[in-house]
Amino acid sequence: MIKNIIFDLDGTLIDSSADLRNAIKKAYLQLGMDIFVPLTVIGLPIKDIVQQLTPELEPSKIIPIFRKLYDESDFPSTRLCKGIEKVKSFFPTSYLLTNKPTKPTLRILEKFQLKFKKVVCVDTYPEFIGVNKKENLAWLMNNGNMCPIQTIMIGDTEHDILAANGSNIDSIIVMNGYGDKKKIAELKPYRTCASLNEVYSILREEVQ
């Protein structure tokens, strides 16, 4: 039985792609660069996004511009994912683990009235800064004394599966997010779901 549920945010619970892509594009434009931002980079840490889009550019030149544009926005195009009204009943006893910094995460959660047992962002603890989700998840599980066989990660990308695999826990992947469907299939998560409605059905049966 599952005792610990760890949710990803972007692409899993919310669709923030339009606001993120817009802020990234505007940040590049301020540097005189017109860059196409593919959906596949959404959900990654901003440093990784910059390195993928412009390997020749030092991330520190654009990240502060992006942070101001995105973190201080009203997230006008961000939407809740289909089925969240059902799974949100699990939020008060679940964890949220995201690559987002604390400031935009808390503003988005407040906007949509989403409340979790614990919210862990990329800058929540000094140990998290500069590391990836796999390491963040391992740290969270270790400090929360979570038993792997009683813990599950719910996300939308191959990165969420790799993070879960690194901590020897199962993962449920929502297929209407930002993940690469081919890579997800190759990694063989515990379950794949078309939407959060299916996730809810699984959790209702397996959560203790």
N, C-alpha and C. Protein backbone atom coordinates (compact mmCIF):
# COMPACT_ATOMS: atom_id res chain seq x y z
N MET A 1 0.83 -1.21 0.00
CA MET A 1 0.00 0.00 0.00
C MET A 1 0.86 1.25 0.00
N ILE A 2 0.37 2.29 -0.61
CA ILE A 2 1.11 3.55 -0.72
C ILE A 2 0.81 4.44 0.49
N LYS A 3 1.89 4.95 1.11
CA LYS A 3 1.74 5.89 2.22
C LYS A 3 2.22 7.29 1.86
N ASN A 4 3.18 7.36 0.91
CA ASN A 4 3.77 8.64 0.55
C ASN A 4 3.57 8.92 -0.94
N ILE A 5 2.89 10.02 -1.26
CA ILE A 5 2.67 10.42 -2.64
C ILE A 5 3.47 11.69 -2.90
N ILE A 6 4.26 11.67 -3.97
CA ILE A 6 5.05 12.85 -4.34
C ILE A 6 4.63 13.29 -5.74
N PHE A 7 4.07 14.48 -5.83
CA PHE A 7 3.59 15.01 -7.10
C PHE A 7 4.62 15.96 -7.72
N ASP A 8 4.76 15.88 -9.04
CA ASP A 8 5.43 16.91 -9.82
C ASP A 8 4.38 18.00 -10.06
N LEU A 9 4.83 19.18 -10.51
CA LEU A 9 3.89 20.28 -10.72
C LEU A 9 3.62 20.56 -12.20
N ASP A 10 4.63 21.09 -12.91
CA ASP A 10 4.44 21.50 -14.30
C ASP A 10 4.17 20.31 -15.22
N GLY A 11 3.08 20.35 -15.94
CA GLY A 11 2.75 19.28 -16.87
C GLY A 11 1.99 18.15 -16.23
N THR A 12 2.03 18.08 -14.90
CA THR A 12 1.33 17.04 -14.16
C THR A 12 0.04 17.58 -13.56
N LEU A 13 0.17 18.68 -12.82
CA LEU A 13 -0.99 19.30 -12.16
C LEU A 13 -1.41 20.59 -12.84
N ILE A 14 -0.46 21.29 -13.43
CA ILE A 14 -0.78 22.54 -14.13
C ILE A 14 -0.13 22.54 -15.51
N ASP A 15 -0.75 23.26 -16.42
CA ASP A 15 -0.14 23.50 -17.74
C ASP A 15 0.36 24.94 -17.74
N SER A 16 1.65 25.08 -17.50
CA SER A 16 2.27 26.41 -17.41
C SER A 16 3.09 26.72 -18.65
N SER A 17 2.97 25.88 -19.67
CA SER A 17 3.86 25.98 -20.83
C SER A 17 3.78 27.32 -21.55
N ALA A 18 2.59 27.87 -21.72
CA ALA A 18 2.46 29.12 -22.46
C ALA A 18 3.17 30.26 -21.74
N ASP A 19 2.97 30.37 -20.43
CA ASP A 19 3.61 31.44 -19.67
C ASP A 19 5.12 31.26 -19.60
N LEU A 20 5.57 30.03 -19.44
CA LEU A 20 7.01 29.76 -19.38
C LEU A 20 7.69 30.06 -20.71
N ARG A 21 7.09 29.56 -21.79
CA ARG A 21 7.69 29.78 -23.11
C ARG A 21 7.71 31.26 -23.47
N ASN A 22 6.67 31.97 -23.09
CA ASN A 22 6.60 33.40 -23.37
C ASN A 22 7.68 34.16 -22.60
N ALA A 23 7.87 33.82 -21.33
CA ALA A 23 8.88 34.50 -20.52
C ALA A 23 10.29 34.19 -21.01
N ILE A 24 10.53 32.94 -21.40
CA ILE A 24 11.85 32.56 -21.92
C ILE A 24 12.13 33.32 -23.21
N LYS A 25 11.15 33.34 -24.10
CA LYS A 25 11.33 34.03 -25.38
C LYS A 25 11.59 35.53 -25.19
N LYS A 26 10.84 36.16 -24.29
CA LYS A 26 11.02 37.58 -24.01
C LYS A 26 12.39 37.85 -23.40
N ALA A 27 12.85 36.94 -22.55
CA ALA A 27 14.17 37.11 -21.94
C ALA A 27 15.26 37.10 -23.00
N TYR A 28 15.17 36.19 -23.95
CA TYR A 28 16.14 36.13 -25.04
C TYR A 28 16.06 37.37 -25.92
N LEU A 29 14.84 37.83 -26.16
CA LEU A 29 14.66 39.03 -26.99
C LEU A 29 15.34 40.25 -26.37
N GLN A 30 15.36 40.32 -25.05
CA GLN A 30 16.04 41.43 -24.38
C GLN A 30 17.55 41.39 -24.62
N LEU A 31 18.05 40.20 -25.00
CA LEU A 31 19.46 40.07 -25.33
C LEU A 31 19.68 40.12 -26.84
N GLY A 32 18.60 40.44 -27.58
CA GLY A 32 18.71 40.53 -29.03
C GLY A 32 18.69 39.20 -29.73
N MET A 33 18.15 38.16 -29.09
CA MET A 33 18.13 36.82 -29.66
C MET A 33 16.68 36.35 -29.80
N ASP A 34 16.30 35.96 -31.02
CA ASP A 34 14.95 35.46 -31.28
C ASP A 34 15.03 33.94 -31.30
N ILE A 35 14.62 33.29 -30.21
CA ILE A 35 14.79 31.85 -30.02
C ILE A 35 13.44 31.15 -29.99
N PHE A 36 13.33 30.03 -30.69
CA PHE A 36 12.15 29.18 -30.60
C PHE A 36 12.28 28.30 -29.35
N VAL A 37 11.24 28.26 -28.55
CA VAL A 37 11.26 27.48 -27.31
C VAL A 37 10.33 26.27 -27.46
N PRO A 38 10.87 25.08 -27.65
CA PRO A 38 10.02 23.89 -27.84
C PRO A 38 9.37 23.45 -26.54
N LEU A 39 8.25 22.80 -26.67
CA LEU A 39 7.52 22.32 -25.50
C LEU A 39 8.33 21.31 -24.70
N THR A 40 9.21 20.58 -25.36
CA THR A 40 9.95 19.50 -24.71
C THR A 40 10.90 19.96 -23.61
N VAL A 41 11.24 21.24 -23.58
CA VAL A 41 12.16 21.72 -22.53
C VAL A 41 11.42 22.15 -21.27
N ILE A 42 10.11 22.31 -21.36
CA ILE A 42 9.34 22.78 -20.21
C ILE A 42 9.33 21.71 -19.12
N GLY A 43 9.58 22.16 -17.90
CA GLY A 43 9.65 21.23 -16.77
C GLY A 43 11.06 21.03 -16.29
N LEU A 44 12.04 21.33 -17.16
CA LEU A 44 13.44 21.24 -16.76
C LEU A 44 13.83 22.48 -15.96
N PRO A 45 14.90 22.38 -15.15
CA PRO A 45 15.42 23.58 -14.48
C PRO A 45 15.79 24.61 -15.55
N ILE A 46 15.62 25.89 -15.25
CA ILE A 46 15.88 26.93 -16.25
C ILE A 46 17.32 26.89 -16.75
N LYS A 47 18.25 26.53 -15.89
CA LYS A 47 19.66 26.44 -16.32
C LYS A 47 19.81 25.40 -17.43
N ASP A 48 19.14 24.27 -17.27
CA ASP A 48 19.20 23.21 -18.28
C ASP A 48 18.52 23.64 -19.57
N ILE A 49 17.43 24.40 -19.44
CA ILE A 49 16.73 24.90 -20.63
C ILE A 49 17.64 25.81 -21.44
N VAL A 50 18.30 26.74 -20.75
CA VAL A 50 19.21 27.67 -21.44
C VAL A 50 20.35 26.91 -22.11
N GLN A 51 20.89 25.92 -21.43
CA GLN A 51 22.00 25.15 -21.99
C GLN A 51 21.58 24.35 -23.22
N GLN A 52 20.31 23.91 -23.23
CA GLN A 52 19.81 23.18 -24.40
C GLN A 52 19.53 24.13 -25.57
N LEU A 53 18.95 25.27 -25.27
CA LEU A 53 18.57 26.21 -26.33
C LEU A 53 19.77 26.93 -26.91
N THR A 54 20.68 27.35 -26.04
CA THR A 54 21.85 28.15 -26.47
C THR A 54 23.09 27.70 -25.70
N PRO A 55 23.70 26.59 -26.12
CA PRO A 55 24.87 26.06 -25.39
C PRO A 55 26.02 27.07 -25.29
N GLU A 56 26.06 28.00 -26.23
CA GLU A 56 27.16 28.97 -26.25
C GLU A 56 26.95 30.12 -25.27
N LEU A 57 25.73 30.25 -24.71
CA LEU A 57 25.41 31.38 -23.84
C LEU A 57 25.57 31.00 -22.38
N GLU A 58 26.23 31.86 -21.62
CA GLU A 58 26.36 31.65 -20.18
C GLU A 58 24.98 31.84 -19.54
N PRO A 59 24.45 30.79 -18.86
CA PRO A 59 23.10 30.87 -18.29
C PRO A 59 22.87 32.07 -17.38
N SER A 60 23.91 32.51 -16.69
CA SER A 60 23.75 33.63 -15.75
C SER A 60 23.39 34.94 -16.45
N LYS A 61 23.57 35.00 -17.77
CA LYS A 61 23.23 36.21 -18.50
C LYS A 61 21.73 36.33 -18.77
N ILE A 62 21.06 35.21 -18.78
CA ILE A 62 19.64 35.25 -19.12
C ILE A 62 18.71 34.86 -17.97
N ILE A 63 19.20 34.04 -17.05
CA ILE A 63 18.33 33.56 -15.96
C ILE A 63 17.74 34.70 -15.13
N PRO A 64 18.52 35.71 -14.71
CA PRO A 64 17.91 36.80 -13.93
C PRO A 64 16.80 37.54 -14.70
N ILE A 65 16.98 37.68 -16.01
CA ILE A 65 15.95 38.35 -16.83
C ILE A 65 14.69 37.49 -16.85
N PHE A 66 14.86 36.20 -17.09
CA PHE A 66 13.73 35.29 -17.11
C PHE A 66 13.01 35.26 -15.77
N ARG A 67 13.79 35.19 -14.68
CA ARG A 67 13.20 35.10 -13.35
C ARG A 67 12.31 36.30 -13.06
N LYS A 68 12.74 37.47 -13.43
CA LYS A 68 11.94 38.67 -13.18
C LYS A 68 10.67 38.65 -14.02
N LEU A 69 10.80 38.27 -15.29
CA LEU A 69 9.65 38.24 -16.18
C LEU A 69 8.61 37.21 -15.72
N TYR A 70 9.08 36.02 -15.34
CA TYR A 70 8.16 34.94 -14.99
C TYR A 70 7.69 35.01 -13.55
N ASP A 71 8.62 35.15 -12.61
CA ASP A 71 8.26 35.08 -11.20
C ASP A 71 7.32 36.19 -10.77
N GLU A 72 7.40 37.35 -11.44
CA GLU A 72 6.57 38.48 -11.04
C GLU A 72 5.33 38.65 -11.91
N SER A 73 5.09 37.67 -12.79
CA SER A 73 3.90 37.75 -13.65
C SER A 73 2.67 37.25 -12.89
N ASP A 74 1.52 37.37 -13.52
CA ASP A 74 0.27 36.86 -12.93
C ASP A 74 -0.09 35.49 -13.49
N PHE A 75 0.82 34.90 -14.28
CA PHE A 75 0.60 33.58 -14.88
C PHE A 75 -0.76 33.52 -15.59
N PRO A 76 -1.00 34.44 -16.51
CA PRO A 76 -2.34 34.56 -17.13
C PRO A 76 -2.77 33.36 -17.96
N SER A 77 -1.82 32.62 -18.51
CA SER A 77 -2.19 31.50 -19.38
C SER A 77 -2.03 30.14 -18.71
N THR A 78 -1.62 30.11 -17.45
CA THR A 78 -1.44 28.84 -16.74
C THR A 78 -2.81 28.28 -16.37
N ARG A 79 -2.98 26.99 -16.60
CA ARG A 79 -4.26 26.33 -16.36
C ARG A 79 -4.06 25.05 -15.54
N LEU A 80 -5.09 24.66 -14.83
CA LEU A 80 -5.08 23.38 -14.12
C LEU A 80 -5.28 22.25 -15.11
N CYS A 81 -4.63 21.13 -14.86
CA CYS A 81 -4.78 19.97 -15.75
C CYS A 81 -6.10 19.25 -15.48
N LYS A 82 -6.61 18.62 -16.50
CA LYS A 82 -7.87 17.90 -16.41
C LYS A 82 -7.79 16.81 -15.35
N GLY A 83 -8.80 16.77 -14.49
CA GLY A 83 -8.87 15.73 -13.47
C GLY A 83 -8.31 16.14 -12.12
N ILE A 84 -7.77 17.35 -12.02
CA ILE A 84 -7.13 17.75 -10.77
C ILE A 84 -8.14 17.87 -9.63
N GLU A 85 -9.38 18.16 -9.93
CA GLU A 85 -10.39 18.30 -8.88
C GLU A 85 -10.55 17.01 -8.08
N LYS A 86 -10.30 15.88 -8.73
CA LYS A 86 -10.41 14.61 -8.02
C LYS A 86 -9.14 14.32 -7.21
N VAL A 87 -7.97 14.44 -7.84
CA VAL A 87 -6.74 14.07 -7.13
C VAL A 87 -6.38 15.05 -6.03
N LYS A 88 -6.92 16.29 -6.07
CA LYS A 88 -6.54 17.27 -5.05
C LYS A 88 -6.98 16.83 -3.66
N SER A 89 -7.86 15.85 -3.58
CA SER A 89 -8.26 15.34 -2.26
C SER A 89 -7.09 14.65 -1.56
N PHE A 90 -6.07 14.26 -2.33
CA PHE A 90 -4.88 13.63 -1.76
C PHE A 90 -3.80 14.65 -1.38
N PHE A 91 -3.92 15.90 -1.85
CA PHE A 91 -2.86 16.89 -1.65
C PHE A 91 -2.52 17.16 -0.19
N PRO A 92 -3.49 17.28 0.72
CA PRO A 92 -3.14 17.63 2.10
C PRO A 92 -2.22 16.63 2.79
N THR A 93 -2.14 15.41 2.26
CA THR A 93 -1.25 14.40 2.86
C THR A 93 -0.11 14.03 1.91
N SER A 94 0.08 14.83 0.86
CA SER A 94 1.09 14.53 -0.16
C SER A 94 2.17 15.61 -0.22
N TYR A 95 3.25 15.26 -0.93
CA TYR A 95 4.37 16.17 -1.13
C TYR A 95 4.33 16.72 -2.56
N LEU A 96 4.80 17.94 -2.71
CA LEU A 96 4.99 18.52 -4.04
C LEU A 96 6.48 18.75 -4.23
N LEU A 97 7.03 18.19 -5.30
CA LEU A 97 8.46 18.33 -5.61
C LEU A 97 8.58 18.95 -6.99
N THR A 98 9.18 20.14 -7.07
CA THR A 98 9.23 20.86 -8.34
C THR A 98 10.59 21.50 -8.59
N ASN A 99 10.91 21.65 -9.88
CA ASN A 99 12.13 22.35 -10.28
C ASN A 99 11.96 23.87 -10.23
N LYS A 100 10.75 24.33 -9.93
CA LYS A 100 10.50 25.76 -9.81
C LYS A 100 11.08 26.30 -8.50
N PRO A 101 11.49 27.57 -8.48
CA PRO A 101 11.87 28.20 -7.21
C PRO A 101 10.63 28.42 -6.34
N THR A 102 10.86 28.78 -5.11
CA THR A 102 9.77 28.94 -4.15
C THR A 102 8.79 30.05 -4.53
N LYS A 103 9.30 31.21 -4.94
CA LYS A 103 8.44 32.36 -5.18
C LYS A 103 7.33 32.09 -6.20
N PRO A 104 7.64 31.66 -7.43
CA PRO A 104 6.54 31.41 -8.37
C PRO A 104 5.68 30.22 -7.97
N THR A 105 6.30 29.20 -7.35
CA THR A 105 5.53 28.03 -6.93
C THR A 105 4.44 28.41 -5.95
N LEU A 106 4.79 29.14 -4.90
CA LEU A 106 3.81 29.51 -3.89
C LEU A 106 2.74 30.45 -4.46
N ARG A 107 3.13 31.32 -5.39
CA ARG A 107 2.15 32.23 -5.99
C ARG A 107 1.14 31.46 -6.85
N ILE A 108 1.64 30.44 -7.56
CA ILE A 108 0.75 29.61 -8.38
C ILE A 108 -0.17 28.77 -7.50
N LEU A 109 0.37 28.18 -6.44
CA LEU A 109 -0.45 27.38 -5.54
C LEU A 109 -1.52 28.23 -4.87
N GLU A 110 -1.16 29.46 -4.52
CA GLU A 110 -2.14 30.37 -3.92
C GLU A 110 -3.22 30.75 -4.94
N LYS A 111 -2.80 31.00 -6.17
CA LYS A 111 -3.75 31.39 -7.21
C LYS A 111 -4.83 30.33 -7.41
N PHE A 112 -4.41 29.06 -7.38
CA PHE A 112 -5.35 27.97 -7.65
C PHE A 112 -5.82 27.26 -6.37
N GLN A 113 -5.41 27.79 -5.21
CA GLN A 113 -5.84 27.23 -3.93
C GLN A 113 -5.50 25.73 -3.82
N LEU A 114 -4.23 25.42 -4.06
CA LEU A 114 -3.74 24.05 -3.94
C LEU A 114 -2.86 23.96 -2.70
N LYS A 115 -3.18 23.05 -1.79
CA LYS A 115 -2.45 22.95 -0.53
C LYS A 115 -1.93 21.54 -0.31
N PHE A 116 -0.63 21.46 0.00
CA PHE A 116 0.03 20.18 0.19
C PHE A 116 0.57 20.04 1.61
N LYS A 117 0.87 18.80 1.98
CA LYS A 117 1.50 18.54 3.28
C LYS A 117 2.85 19.25 3.35
N LYS A 118 3.60 19.18 2.26
CA LYS A 118 4.91 19.84 2.20
C LYS A 118 5.22 20.18 0.75
N VAL A 119 5.71 21.40 0.54
CA VAL A 119 6.11 21.85 -0.80
C VAL A 119 7.63 21.99 -0.81
N VAL A 120 8.26 21.28 -1.73
CA VAL A 120 9.72 21.29 -1.83
C VAL A 120 10.12 21.80 -3.20
N CYS A 121 10.74 22.98 -3.22
CA CYS A 121 11.16 23.62 -4.46
C CYS A 121 12.66 23.46 -4.65
N VAL A 122 13.13 23.88 -5.81
CA VAL A 122 14.54 23.71 -6.13
C VAL A 122 15.44 24.53 -5.21
N ASP A 123 14.88 25.56 -4.56
CA ASP A 123 15.68 26.39 -3.67
C ASP A 123 15.21 26.31 -2.21
N THR A 124 14.41 25.29 -1.89
CA THR A 124 13.89 25.16 -0.52
C THR A 124 15.02 24.94 0.48
N TYR A 125 15.96 24.10 0.11
CA TYR A 125 17.09 23.81 0.98
C TYR A 125 18.39 24.07 0.24
N PRO A 126 19.42 24.54 0.93
CA PRO A 126 20.72 24.77 0.29
C PRO A 126 21.25 23.54 -0.43
N GLU A 127 20.92 22.37 0.10
CA GLU A 127 21.40 21.13 -0.51
C GLU A 127 20.83 20.91 -1.91
N PHE A 128 19.69 21.55 -2.20
CA PHE A 128 19.01 21.34 -3.47
C PHE A 128 19.58 22.20 -4.60
N ILE A 129 20.21 23.30 -4.26
CA ILE A 129 20.63 24.26 -5.26
C ILE A 129 21.69 23.67 -6.19
N GLY A 130 21.39 23.69 -7.49
CA GLY A 130 22.35 23.21 -8.47
C GLY A 130 22.30 21.73 -8.75
N VAL A 131 21.32 21.02 -8.15
CA VAL A 131 21.22 19.58 -8.41
C VAL A 131 19.93 19.29 -9.17
N ASN A 132 19.78 18.04 -9.63
CA ASN A 132 18.61 17.69 -10.43
C ASN A 132 17.52 17.02 -9.59
N LYS A 133 16.40 16.72 -10.24
CA LYS A 133 15.26 16.18 -9.51
C LYS A 133 15.57 14.81 -8.90
N LYS A 134 16.40 14.04 -9.57
CA LYS A 134 16.76 12.73 -9.03
C LYS A 134 17.41 12.88 -7.66
N GLU A 135 18.33 13.82 -7.54
CA GLU A 135 19.02 14.05 -6.27
C GLU A 135 18.08 14.68 -5.25
N ASN A 136 17.21 15.58 -5.72
CA ASN A 136 16.24 16.22 -4.83
C ASN A 136 15.30 15.19 -4.23
N LEU A 137 14.82 14.27 -5.05
CA LEU A 137 13.90 13.24 -4.58
C LEU A 137 14.58 12.32 -3.57
N ALA A 138 15.81 11.94 -3.86
CA ALA A 138 16.55 11.07 -2.93
C ALA A 138 16.72 11.77 -1.58
N TRP A 139 17.03 13.06 -1.62
CA TRP A 139 17.20 13.84 -0.39
C TRP A 139 15.89 13.90 0.39
N LEU A 140 14.79 14.17 -0.32
CA LEU A 140 13.48 14.27 0.31
C LEU A 140 13.09 12.96 0.98
N MET A 141 13.29 11.86 0.30
CA MET A 141 12.93 10.56 0.85
C MET A 141 13.78 10.22 2.06
N ASN A 142 15.06 10.51 1.97
CA ASN A 142 15.97 10.21 3.09
C ASN A 142 15.59 11.01 4.33
N ASN A 143 15.31 12.31 4.14
CA ASN A 143 15.00 13.16 5.27
C ASN A 143 13.58 12.97 5.79
N GLY A 144 12.72 12.39 4.96
CA GLY A 144 11.37 12.10 5.39
C GLY A 144 11.19 10.67 5.88
N ASN A 145 12.32 9.92 5.90
CA ASN A 145 12.28 8.51 6.32
C ASN A 145 11.20 7.72 5.58
N MET A 146 11.13 7.93 4.28
CA MET A 146 10.12 7.26 3.48
C MET A 146 10.60 5.88 3.02
N CYS A 147 9.74 4.91 3.14
CA CYS A 147 10.03 3.56 2.68
C CYS A 147 9.75 3.50 1.17
N PRO A 148 10.73 3.06 0.36
CA PRO A 148 10.54 3.05 -1.10
C PRO A 148 9.30 2.29 -1.57
N ILE A 149 9.02 1.14 -0.96
CA ILE A 149 7.89 0.35 -1.44
C ILE A 149 6.54 0.96 -1.05
N GLN A 150 6.58 2.00 -0.20
CA GLN A 150 5.35 2.66 0.21
C GLN A 150 5.25 4.08 -0.37
N THR A 151 6.13 4.37 -1.34
CA THR A 151 6.21 5.72 -1.90
C THR A 151 6.05 5.69 -3.41
N ILE A 152 5.39 6.69 -3.96
CA ILE A 152 5.22 6.74 -5.41
C ILE A 152 5.38 8.18 -5.91
N MET A 153 5.96 8.30 -7.11
CA MET A 153 6.16 9.60 -7.76
C MET A 153 5.15 9.73 -8.89
N ILE A 154 4.46 10.86 -8.94
CA ILE A 154 3.50 11.11 -10.01
C ILE A 154 3.98 12.30 -10.81
N GLY A 155 4.31 12.05 -12.09
CA GLY A 155 4.86 13.11 -12.94
C GLY A 155 4.37 12.98 -14.37
N ASP A 156 5.10 13.64 -15.28
CA ASP A 156 4.66 13.63 -16.67
C ASP A 156 5.79 13.44 -17.67
N THR A 157 7.03 13.34 -17.20
CA THR A 157 8.15 13.23 -18.14
C THR A 157 9.07 12.07 -17.79
N GLU A 158 9.97 11.79 -18.73
CA GLU A 158 10.98 10.77 -18.52
C GLU A 158 11.90 11.12 -17.36
N HIS A 159 12.06 12.42 -17.09
CA HIS A 159 12.91 12.86 -15.98
C HIS A 159 12.30 12.45 -14.63
N ASP A 160 10.98 12.44 -14.56
CA ASP A 160 10.31 12.00 -13.34
C ASP A 160 10.50 10.49 -13.13
N ILE A 161 10.48 9.73 -14.21
CA ILE A 161 10.71 8.29 -14.10
C ILE A 161 12.13 8.02 -13.63
N LEU A 162 13.10 8.72 -14.22
CA LEU A 162 14.50 8.53 -13.84
C LEU A 162 14.73 8.90 -12.38
N ALA A 163 14.07 9.97 -11.94
CA ALA A 163 14.19 10.37 -10.54
C ALA A 163 13.64 9.28 -9.63
N ALA A 164 12.47 8.75 -9.99
CA ALA A 164 11.85 7.69 -9.19
C ALA A 164 12.72 6.43 -9.19
N ASN A 165 13.23 6.07 -10.36
CA ASN A 165 14.08 4.88 -10.45
C ASN A 165 15.32 5.03 -9.58
N GLY A 166 15.84 6.25 -9.51
CA GLY A 166 17.04 6.49 -8.71
C GLY A 166 16.82 6.27 -7.23
N SER A 167 15.56 6.38 -6.79
CA SER A 167 15.23 6.16 -5.37
C SER A 167 14.48 4.85 -5.17
N ASN A 168 14.47 4.03 -6.23
CA ASN A 168 13.85 2.70 -6.16
C ASN A 168 12.36 2.76 -5.79
N ILE A 169 11.68 3.77 -6.36
CA ILE A 169 10.24 3.85 -6.14
C ILE A 169 9.52 3.79 -7.49
N ASP A 170 8.25 3.44 -7.44
CA ASP A 170 7.44 3.38 -8.65
C ASP A 170 7.03 4.78 -9.08
N SER A 171 6.69 4.90 -10.36
CA SER A 171 6.22 6.18 -10.88
C SER A 171 4.96 5.98 -11.70
N ILE A 172 4.07 6.95 -11.60
CA ILE A 172 2.87 7.01 -12.44
C ILE A 172 3.05 8.22 -13.34
N ILE A 173 2.95 8.03 -14.64
CA ILE A 173 3.18 9.12 -15.58
C ILE A 173 1.90 9.50 -16.30
N VAL A 174 1.58 10.80 -16.22
CA VAL A 174 0.43 11.34 -16.94
C VAL A 174 0.88 11.69 -18.35
N MET A 175 0.23 11.10 -19.34
CA MET A 175 0.71 11.20 -20.72
C MET A 175 0.28 12.47 -21.47
N ASN A 176 -0.49 13.33 -20.83
CA ASN A 176 -0.88 14.57 -21.51
C ASN A 176 -0.05 15.76 -21.05
N GLY A 177 1.16 15.47 -20.54
CA GLY A 177 2.05 16.53 -20.09
C GLY A 177 3.11 16.86 -21.12
N TYR A 178 4.35 17.09 -20.66
CA TYR A 178 5.42 17.56 -21.53
C TYR A 178 6.43 16.48 -21.89
N GLY A 179 6.20 15.25 -21.48
CA GLY A 179 7.19 14.20 -21.69
C GLY A 179 7.26 13.69 -23.12
N ASP A 180 8.39 13.03 -23.41
CA ASP A 180 8.62 12.38 -24.69
C ASP A 180 8.01 10.98 -24.60
N LYS A 181 6.93 10.74 -25.33
CA LYS A 181 6.21 9.48 -25.21
C LYS A 181 7.06 8.27 -25.52
N LYS A 182 7.97 8.39 -26.47
CA LYS A 182 8.84 7.27 -26.82
C LYS A 182 9.79 6.96 -25.67
N LYS A 183 10.38 7.99 -25.10
CA LYS A 183 11.32 7.79 -23.98
C LYS A 183 10.59 7.24 -22.75
N ILE A 184 9.38 7.73 -22.54
CA ILE A 184 8.59 7.23 -21.41
C ILE A 184 8.32 5.74 -21.56
N ALA A 185 7.93 5.33 -22.76
CA ALA A 185 7.66 3.91 -23.02
C ALA A 185 8.91 3.06 -22.80
N GLU A 186 10.06 3.56 -23.22
CA GLU A 186 11.31 2.83 -23.07
C GLU A 186 11.69 2.63 -21.60
N LEU A 187 11.34 3.60 -20.76
CA LEU A 187 11.70 3.54 -19.35
C LEU A 187 10.73 2.71 -18.51
N LYS A 188 9.58 2.39 -19.06
CA LYS A 188 8.61 1.49 -18.43
C LYS A 188 8.24 1.88 -17.00
N PRO A 189 7.54 2.98 -16.82
CA PRO A 189 7.07 3.34 -15.47
C PRO A 189 6.06 2.32 -14.96
N TYR A 190 5.74 2.40 -13.69
CA TYR A 190 4.77 1.49 -13.08
C TYR A 190 3.43 1.55 -13.80
N ARG A 191 2.95 2.77 -14.05
CA ARG A 191 1.70 2.95 -14.79
C ARG A 191 1.78 4.23 -15.61
N THR A 192 1.08 4.23 -16.73
CA THR A 192 0.88 5.46 -17.50
C THR A 192 -0.62 5.73 -17.54
N CYS A 193 -0.98 7.00 -17.49
CA CYS A 193 -2.38 7.39 -17.45
C CYS A 193 -2.65 8.48 -18.48
N ALA A 194 -3.83 8.46 -19.04
CA ALA A 194 -4.20 9.48 -20.02
C ALA A 194 -4.44 10.82 -19.36
N SER A 195 -4.89 10.79 -18.10
CA SER A 195 -5.17 12.04 -17.38
C SER A 195 -5.14 11.78 -15.88
N LEU A 196 -5.32 12.84 -15.12
CA LEU A 196 -5.36 12.73 -13.66
C LEU A 196 -6.57 11.95 -13.18
N ASN A 197 -7.59 11.83 -14.01
CA ASN A 197 -8.76 11.03 -13.62
C ASN A 197 -8.35 9.57 -13.40
N GLU A 198 -7.47 9.06 -14.26
CA GLU A 198 -6.98 7.69 -14.10
C GLU A 198 -6.05 7.58 -12.89
N VAL A 199 -5.25 8.62 -12.67
CA VAL A 199 -4.37 8.63 -11.50
C VAL A 199 -5.21 8.53 -10.23
N TYR A 200 -6.30 9.27 -10.18
CA TYR A 200 -7.18 9.24 -9.02
C TYR A 200 -7.69 7.82 -8.76
N SER A 201 -8.08 7.13 -9.81
CA SER A 201 -8.61 5.77 -9.65
C SER A 201 -7.56 4.84 -9.06
N ILE A 202 -6.30 4.99 -9.50
CA ILE A 202 -5.21 4.16 -8.98
C ILE A 202 -4.95 4.48 -7.51
N LEU A 203 -4.86 5.76 -7.19
CA LEU A 203 -4.58 6.17 -5.81
C LEU A 203 -5.69 5.74 -4.86
N ARG A 204 -6.91 5.82 -5.32
CA ARG A 204 -8.05 5.44 -4.48
C ARG A 204 -7.95 3.97 -4.06
N GLU A 205 -7.38 3.15 -4.93
CA GLU A 205 -7.26 1.72 -4.65
C GLU A 205 -6.00 1.40 -3.84
N GLU A 206 -4.92 2.17 -4.03
CA GLU A 206 -3.63 1.77 -3.48
C GLU A 206 -3.12 2.59 -2.30
N VAL A 207 -3.72 3.73 -2.04
CA VAL A 207 -3.25 4.55 -0.93
C VAL A 207 -3.84 4.05 0.38
N GLN A 208 -2.96 3.92 1.38
CA GLN A 208 -3.40 3.41 2.68
C GLN A 208 -3.99 4.53 3.53
